[in-house]
Amino acid sequence: MPHLNPIERKDNFHKHSFFTGEFSDGTKIDERVNTWTDISETKIVNSVEGEKKVHVSKFPMKHLKMEHKGISKDLDIPDDCEVYQSIRVTDTFLQNGEKKQKVLGRVFGLVKDNTVVEEYFLGDEITGYKI
């Protein structure tokens, strides 16, 4: 199971947008003190949008909860599925050549047999689908 090294967050973003979860061995993870990068790997999967790249947990998880700007969604993870999550942003390029990012929300979902079978987006509201 994962060895989680706590980090110190110095941004305000993770106070209002974060995940918490539990691995199948009972170990807990909280994005306010851990990173998804430490426990995930990149995978190309099929989805309703076509092929896409996601960052799935390298370790079996049984639960993930996403919170963003006061709304939240819980996801129980079946033993035969992998889970992924990410932050959705849009880039604006300013006239002075700088790039400014705006967070649109959070996305997370389940992958079974290399196919996304459930996905949710938390922005101003919760949207998603389940196959």
C-alpha atoms as a PDB file:
ATOM      1  CA  MET A   1       0.000   0.000   0.000  1.00  0.00           C
ATOM      2  CA  PRO A   2       1.080   3.615  -0.422  1.00  0.00           C
ATOM      3  CA  HIS A   3       3.564   5.385   1.781  1.00  0.00           C
ATOM      4  CA  LEU A   4       2.185   8.926   1.969  1.00  0.00           C
ATOM      5  CA  ASN A   5       4.574  11.763   2.672  1.00  0.00           C
ATOM      6  CA  PRO A   6       2.715  14.796   4.022  1.00  0.00           C
ATOM      7  CA  ILE A   7       3.335  18.108   2.286  1.00  0.00           C
ATOM      8  CA  GLU A   8       2.682  21.685   3.378  1.00  0.00           C
ATOM      9  CA  ARG A   9       0.214  23.479   1.109  1.00  0.00           C
ATOM     10  CA  LYS A  10       0.787  27.224   0.828  1.00  0.00           C
ATOM     11  CA  ASP A  11      -2.062  27.961  -1.561  1.00  0.00           C
ATOM     12  CA  ASN A  12      -5.692  28.776  -0.823  1.00  0.00           C
ATOM     13  CA  PHE A  13      -6.990  26.570  -3.643  1.00  0.00           C
ATOM     14  CA  HIS A  14      -6.850  23.316  -1.661  1.00  0.00           C
ATOM     15  CA  LYS A  15      -8.916  24.823   1.149  1.00  0.00           C
ATOM     16  CA  HIS A  16     -11.932  24.914  -1.199  1.00  0.00           C
ATOM     17  CA  SER A  17     -11.180  22.178  -3.727  1.00  0.00           C
ATOM     18  CA  PHE A  18      -9.769  18.822  -2.647  1.00  0.00           C
ATOM     19  CA  PHE A  19     -10.310  15.080  -2.426  1.00  0.00           C
ATOM     20  CA  THR A  20     -10.245  12.657   0.467  1.00  0.00           C
ATOM     21  CA  GLY A  21     -10.214   8.918   0.103  1.00  0.00           C
ATOM     22  CA  GLU A  22      -9.577   5.509   1.527  1.00  0.00           C
ATOM     23  CA  PHE A  23      -7.475   2.713   0.104  1.00  0.00           C
ATOM     24  CA  SER A  24      -8.660  -0.886   0.330  1.00  0.00           C
ATOM     25  CA  ASP A  25      -6.245  -1.520   3.248  1.00  0.00           C
ATOM     26  CA  GLY A  26      -7.839   1.309   5.283  1.00  0.00           C
ATOM     27  CA  THR A  27      -5.079   3.895   4.681  1.00  0.00           C
ATOM     28  CA  LYS A  28      -6.558   7.398   4.281  1.00  0.00           C
ATOM     29  CA  ILE A  29      -5.475  10.132   1.859  1.00  0.00           C
ATOM     30  CA  ASP A  30      -6.320  13.834   1.965  1.00  0.00           C
ATOM     31  CA  GLU A  31      -5.240  16.177  -0.829  1.00  0.00           C
ATOM     32  CA  ARG A  32      -4.772  19.017   1.627  1.00  0.00           C
ATOM     33  CA  VAL A  33      -1.659  17.156   2.868  1.00  0.00           C
ATOM     34  CA  ASN A  34      -0.944  14.591   0.086  1.00  0.00           C
ATOM     35  CA  THR A  35      -0.801  14.688  -3.713  1.00  0.00           C
ATOM     36  CA  TRP A  36      -2.510  12.506  -6.303  1.00  0.00           C
ATOM     37  CA  THR A  37       0.733  12.505  -8.291  1.00  0.00           C
ATOM     38  CA  ASP A  38       2.404  10.452  -5.561  1.00  0.00           C
ATOM     39  CA  ILE A  39      -0.092   7.613  -5.910  1.00  0.00           C
ATOM     40  CA  SER A  40      -1.126   7.708  -9.571  1.00  0.00           C
ATOM     41  CA  GLU A  41       0.039   6.664 -13.017  1.00  0.00           C
ATOM     42  CA  THR A  42      -1.029   7.762 -16.503  1.00  0.00           C
ATOM     43  CA  LYS A  43      -3.318   5.512 -18.500  1.00  0.00           C
ATOM     44  CA  ILE A  44      -5.041   5.861 -21.888  1.00  0.00           C
ATOM     45  CA  VAL A  45      -8.695   4.792 -21.614  1.00  0.00           C
ATOM     46  CA  ASN A  46     -11.849   4.789 -23.722  1.00  0.00           C
ATOM     47  CA  SER A  47     -14.692   7.125 -22.765  1.00  0.00           C
ATOM     48  CA  VAL A  48     -17.865   8.575 -24.266  1.00  0.00           C
ATOM     49  CA  GLU A  49     -15.608  11.382 -25.573  1.00  0.00           C
ATOM     50  CA  GLY A  50     -13.210   8.913 -27.254  1.00  0.00           C
ATOM     51  CA  GLU A  51      -9.725   8.038 -26.047  1.00  0.00           C
ATOM     52  CA  LYS A  52      -8.350  10.148 -23.218  1.00  0.00           C
ATOM     53  CA  LYS A  53      -5.484  10.209 -20.756  1.00  0.00           C
ATOM     54  CA  VAL A  54      -6.309   9.866 -17.066  1.00  0.00           C
ATOM     55  CA  HIS A  55      -4.263   9.495 -13.895  1.00  0.00           C
ATOM     56  CA  VAL A  56      -5.457   6.355 -12.089  1.00  0.00           C
ATOM     57  CA  SER A  57      -4.512   5.371  -8.574  1.00  0.00           C
ATOM     58  CA  LYS A  58      -1.701   2.801  -8.530  1.00  0.00           C
ATOM     59  CA  PHE A  59      -3.212   1.338  -5.366  1.00  0.00           C
ATOM     60  CA  PRO A  60      -6.665  -0.225  -4.873  1.00  0.00           C
ATOM     61  CA  MET A  61      -9.097   2.282  -3.395  1.00  0.00           C
ATOM     62  CA  LYS A  62     -12.527   1.714  -1.895  1.00  0.00           C
ATOM     63  CA  HIS A  63     -13.788   5.291  -1.567  1.00  0.00           C
ATOM     64  CA  LEU A  64     -13.097   8.773  -2.952  1.00  0.00           C
ATOM     65  CA  LYS A  65     -14.851  12.015  -2.031  1.00  0.00           C
ATOM     66  CA  MET A  66     -14.390  15.153  -4.101  1.00  0.00           C
ATOM     67  CA  GLU A  67     -15.189  18.635  -2.768  1.00  0.00           C
ATOM     68  CA  HIS A  68     -15.171  21.825  -4.814  1.00  0.00           C
ATOM     69  CA  LYS A  69     -16.488  25.259  -3.807  1.00  0.00           C
ATOM     70  CA  GLY A  70     -19.012  23.947  -1.305  1.00  0.00           C
ATOM     71  CA  ILE A  71     -20.364  20.968  -3.284  1.00  0.00           C
ATOM     72  CA  SER A  72     -19.257  17.372  -2.867  1.00  0.00           C
ATOM     73  CA  LYS A  73     -19.697  13.938  -4.395  1.00  0.00           C
ATOM     74  CA  ASP A  74     -18.834  10.541  -2.912  1.00  0.00           C
ATOM     75  CA  LEU A  75     -17.821   7.582  -5.036  1.00  0.00           C
ATOM     76  CA  ASP A  76     -17.597   4.008  -3.800  1.00  0.00           C
ATOM     77  CA  ILE A  77     -15.092   2.072  -5.885  1.00  0.00           C
ATOM     78  CA  PRO A  78     -15.868  -1.560  -6.775  1.00  0.00           C
ATOM     79  CA  ASP A  79     -13.007  -4.065  -6.505  1.00  0.00           C
ATOM     80  CA  ASP A  80     -12.903  -4.488 -10.306  1.00  0.00           C
ATOM     81  CA  CYS A  81     -12.494  -0.749 -11.033  1.00  0.00           C
ATOM     82  CA  GLU A  82      -9.729   1.851 -10.963  1.00  0.00           C
ATOM     83  CA  VAL A  83     -10.333   5.472  -9.981  1.00  0.00           C
ATOM     84  CA  TYR A  84      -8.942   8.717 -11.427  1.00  0.00           C
ATOM     85  CA  GLN A  85      -9.245  12.409 -10.670  1.00  0.00           C
ATOM     86  CA  SER A  86      -7.920  15.700 -11.974  1.00  0.00           C
ATOM     87  CA  ILE A  87      -8.344  19.453 -11.872  1.00  0.00           C
ATOM     88  CA  ARG A  88      -9.876  21.037 -14.994  1.00  0.00           C
ATOM     89  CA  VAL A  89      -8.413  24.400 -15.959  1.00  0.00           C
ATOM     90  CA  THR A  90      -8.532  26.771 -18.876  1.00  0.00           C
ATOM     91  CA  ASP A  91      -5.581  28.872 -19.994  1.00  0.00           C
ATOM     92  CA  THR A  92      -5.788  32.497 -21.071  1.00  0.00           C
ATOM     93  CA  PHE A  93      -2.789  34.019 -22.794  1.00  0.00           C
ATOM     94  CA  LEU A  94      -2.361  37.677 -21.951  1.00  0.00           C
ATOM     95  CA  GLN A  95      -1.012  40.330 -24.326  1.00  0.00           C
ATOM     96  CA  ASN A  96       2.219  40.561 -22.326  1.00  0.00           C
ATOM     97  CA  GLY A  97       2.898  36.873 -23.073  1.00  0.00           C
ATOM     98  CA  GLU A  98       1.959  35.591 -19.632  1.00  0.00           C
ATOM     99  CA  LYS A  99      -0.410  32.687 -19.147  1.00  0.00           C
ATOM    100  CA  LYS A 100      -3.223  32.833 -16.602  1.00  0.00           C
ATOM    101  CA  GLN A 101      -5.035  29.684 -15.474  1.00  0.00           C
ATOM    102  CA  LYS A 102      -8.610  29.568 -14.283  1.00  0.00           C
ATOM    103  CA  VAL A 103      -9.879  26.492 -12.443  1.00  0.00           C
ATOM    104  CA  LEU A 104     -13.139  25.224 -13.929  1.00  0.00           C
ATOM    105  CA  GLY A 105     -13.635  22.378 -11.467  1.00  0.00           C
ATOM    106  CA  ARG A 106     -12.743  18.798 -10.613  1.00  0.00           C
ATOM    107  CA  VAL A 107     -13.349  15.589 -12.515  1.00  0.00           C
ATOM    108  CA  PHE A 108     -13.183  12.031 -11.220  1.00  0.00           C
ATOM    109  CA  GLY A 109     -14.428   8.647 -12.299  1.00  0.00           C
ATOM    110  CA  LEU A 110     -14.172   4.892 -12.548  1.00  0.00           C
ATOM    111  CA  VAL A 111     -12.364   2.799 -15.153  1.00  0.00           C
ATOM    112  CA  LYS A 112     -13.320  -0.828 -15.750  1.00  0.00           C
ATOM    113  CA  ASP A 113     -11.606  -2.953 -18.406  1.00  0.00           C
ATOM    114  CA  ASN A 114      -9.878   0.160 -19.795  1.00  0.00           C
ATOM    115  CA  THR A 115     -13.193   2.020 -20.243  1.00  0.00           C
ATOM    116  CA  VAL A 116     -14.604   4.920 -18.215  1.00  0.00           C
ATOM    117  CA  VAL A 117     -17.870   3.595 -16.774  1.00  0.00           C
ATOM    118  CA  GLU A 118     -18.706   6.498 -14.461  1.00  0.00           C
ATOM    119  CA  GLU A 119     -17.517  10.108 -14.378  1.00  0.00           C
ATOM    120  CA  TYR A 120     -18.457  13.265 -12.503  1.00  0.00           C
ATOM    121  CA  PHE A 121     -17.516  16.907 -12.930  1.00  0.00           C
ATOM    122  CA  LEU A 122     -17.816  19.317 -10.013  1.00  0.00           C
ATOM    123  CA  GLY A 123     -17.870  22.905 -11.225  1.00  0.00           C
ATOM    124  CA  ASP A 124     -20.707  25.261 -10.399  1.00  0.00           C
ATOM    125  CA  GLU A 125     -22.856  22.128 -10.148  1.00  0.00           C
ATOM    126  CA  ILE A 126     -22.402  18.355 -10.349  1.00  0.00           C
ATOM    127  CA  THR A 127     -22.741  16.734 -13.772  1.00  0.00           C
ATOM    128  CA  GLY A 128     -21.804  13.266 -14.884  1.00  0.00           C
ATOM    129  CA  TYR A 129     -22.755   9.938 -16.327  1.00  0.00           C
ATOM    130  CA  LYS A 130     -22.798   6.246 -15.499  1.00  0.00           C
ATOM    131  CA  ILE A 131     -22.753   3.488 -18.105  1.00  0.00           C
END
